[in-house]
Structures are given as structure tokens and as C-alpha cells.
Protein backbone atom coordinates (compact mmCIF):
# COMPACT_ATOMS: atom_id res chain seq x y z
CA UNK A 1 16.09 -25.81 -1.50
CA UNK A 2 14.38 -22.86 0.09
CA UNK A 3 15.36 -20.44 2.64
CA UNK A 4 13.86 -22.29 5.79
CA UNK A 5 15.63 -25.71 4.52
CA UNK A 6 18.79 -23.79 4.24
CA UNK A 7 18.44 -22.15 7.72
CA UNK A 8 17.54 -25.40 9.19
CA UNK A 9 20.64 -26.86 7.91
CA UNK A 10 22.83 -24.08 9.34
CA UNK A 11 20.97 -24.00 12.75
CA UNK A 12 19.31 -27.55 13.43
CA UNK A 13 18.60 -26.60 17.24
CA UNK A 14 16.82 -23.50 16.38
CA UNK A 15 12.90 -23.87 17.01
CA UNK A 16 10.81 -21.05 15.02
CA UNK A 17 8.36 -19.17 16.98
CA UNK A 18 4.86 -18.72 15.46
CA UNK A 19 4.39 -15.45 16.98
CA UNK A 20 4.13 -12.24 14.94
CA UNK A 21 7.00 -10.01 15.27
CA UNK A 22 6.12 -6.67 17.24
CA UNK A 23 7.27 -3.76 15.22
CA UNK A 24 7.63 -0.13 17.29
CA UNK A 25 5.15 2.52 16.16
CA UNK A 26 7.10 5.72 16.13
CA UNK A 27 4.13 7.84 14.83
CA UNK A 28 4.31 11.19 16.39
CA UNK A 29 1.47 13.53 16.08
CA UNK A 30 2.56 16.88 14.60
CA UNK A 31 1.51 20.31 15.57
CA UNK A 32 -0.58 21.52 12.43
CA UNK A 33 -0.58 25.37 12.40
CA UNK A 34 -3.13 27.95 11.12
CA UNK A 35 -0.23 30.21 9.24
CA UNK A 36 1.07 28.54 6.03
CA UNK A 37 4.64 27.21 5.88
CA UNK A 38 6.71 28.79 3.26
CA UNK A 39 8.16 26.51 0.52
CA UNK A 40 10.68 28.54 -1.44
CA UNK A 41 13.24 27.87 -4.42
CA UNK A 42 16.96 29.09 -4.23
CA UNK A 43 19.95 28.60 -5.89
CA UNK A 44 22.94 27.92 -3.65
CA UNK A 45 26.46 27.78 -5.04
CA UNK A 46 24.76 27.13 -8.44
CA UNK A 47 22.68 24.20 -7.07
CA UNK A 48 18.85 24.06 -6.71
CA UNK A 49 17.69 23.80 -3.00
CA UNK A 50 14.19 23.90 -1.77
CA UNK A 51 13.88 25.52 1.53
CA UNK A 52 10.68 25.05 3.89
CA UNK A 53 10.25 27.66 6.58
CA UNK A 54 7.42 28.76 9.02
CA UNK A 55 6.82 26.06 11.32
CA UNK A 56 5.63 27.21 14.71
CA UNK A 57 5.78 23.96 16.78
CA UNK A 58 8.26 22.29 18.59
CA UNK A 59 11.92 22.13 16.76
CA UNK A 60 12.13 18.25 17.51
CA UNK A 61 8.79 17.79 15.52
CA UNK A 62 10.08 19.89 12.55
CA UNK A 63 13.21 17.74 12.50
CA UNK A 64 11.00 14.49 12.54
CA UNK A 65 9.05 16.20 9.66
CA UNK A 66 12.49 16.88 7.89
CA UNK A 67 13.49 13.42 7.90
CA UNK A 68 10.15 12.12 6.67
CA UNK A 69 10.40 14.27 3.83
CA UNK A 70 13.82 13.27 2.86
CA UNK A 71 13.07 9.55 3.21
CA UNK A 72 9.94 10.05 1.19
CA UNK A 73 11.56 11.82 -1.68
CA UNK A 74 14.79 9.92 -1.43
CA UNK A 75 16.88 13.02 -1.37
CA UNK A 76 19.61 14.53 0.66
CA UNK A 77 18.93 17.70 2.94
CA UNK A 78 19.56 19.12 6.40
CA UNK A 79 17.67 21.10 9.05
CA UNK A 80 19.50 24.19 9.97
CA UNK A 81 18.17 27.48 11.79
CA UNK A 82 14.51 26.65 11.86
CA UNK A 83 14.56 25.65 8.05
CA UNK A 84 14.54 22.45 6.30
CA UNK A 85 16.80 22.40 3.22
CA UNK A 86 16.42 19.93 0.74
CA UNK A 87 18.70 19.29 -2.37
CA UNK A 88 17.09 20.16 -5.69
CA UNK A 89 13.73 21.59 -6.80
CA UNK A 90 10.92 19.47 -5.24
CA UNK A 91 8.37 22.23 -4.18
CA UNK A 92 5.62 20.55 -5.72
CA UNK A 93 6.14 17.22 -4.15
CA UNK A 94 6.82 18.80 -0.73
CA UNK A 95 3.71 20.85 -0.83
CA UNK A 96 1.61 17.84 -1.52
CA UNK A 97 3.14 15.87 1.31
CA UNK A 98 2.57 18.97 3.73
CA UNK A 99 -0.75 19.18 2.45
CA UNK A 100 -1.86 15.44 3.25
CA UNK A 101 -0.51 15.97 6.65
CA UNK A 102 -3.01 18.81 7.08
CA UNK A 103 -0.54 21.83 6.74
CA UNK A 104 -1.13 24.95 4.64
CA UNK A 105 1.77 25.92 2.37
CA UNK A 106 2.81 28.72 0.35
CA UNK A 107 4.90 28.74 -2.73
CA UNK A 108 7.59 31.44 -3.06
CA UNK A 109 10.14 31.94 -5.88
CA UNK A 110 8.72 31.39 -9.15
């Protein structure tokens, strides 16, 4: 018994629609700047952190970029004082993601 049969047993009056579900596109065009974004490594309280600074566009765009980086890398982090703080040393991966989006990057801190 597959899932469709089980659903029909639970909901006999339901008529499935053949229309494809619409998904909302939340793609947002980010401001690509001429100056490079700084991607640096620090240890805070003994733990490695990656800090991304130097975005010249809107703060909301930077927050969207922070969320996208955190979800792609599956790591924790935050957005504070105009900087994205990522838990762990992910400079190379973050720089690759930013370069794919068209940003210039600069590696700082080793």
C-alpha cells in the first residue's frame, strides 16, 4: 500500500488536483560592489570564527546574504554591526560562494 492509497483511506472525500503547486520565488538581486569584501579569521573565546565585512549595499541585502551563506554551509552565525560572523574557519568556502555571486573578496588573517 503506497502513500496515495493510505491518504485515500484516511480522506475518502478528497479530490486531488492536477495543477502544479506554485512556489514563491524569493530571489533578490544583491548589490555587487567594486571594492572587495574582507573575509578574515579570528579566534573569539578560543573558538574559530570567520568574519565577513565591507559590504557597501543595503543592510537588508547583507542579512539575506548572511542567511544564504549559513544555510549553504550548514553552520551557525550571526549578523552584527555590519559584519557577518560565521562559526568556524570557512574562509575558502565563503570566498568561493561570494565569487560565484560576482563579489570580489580579500583574504585576511593567515
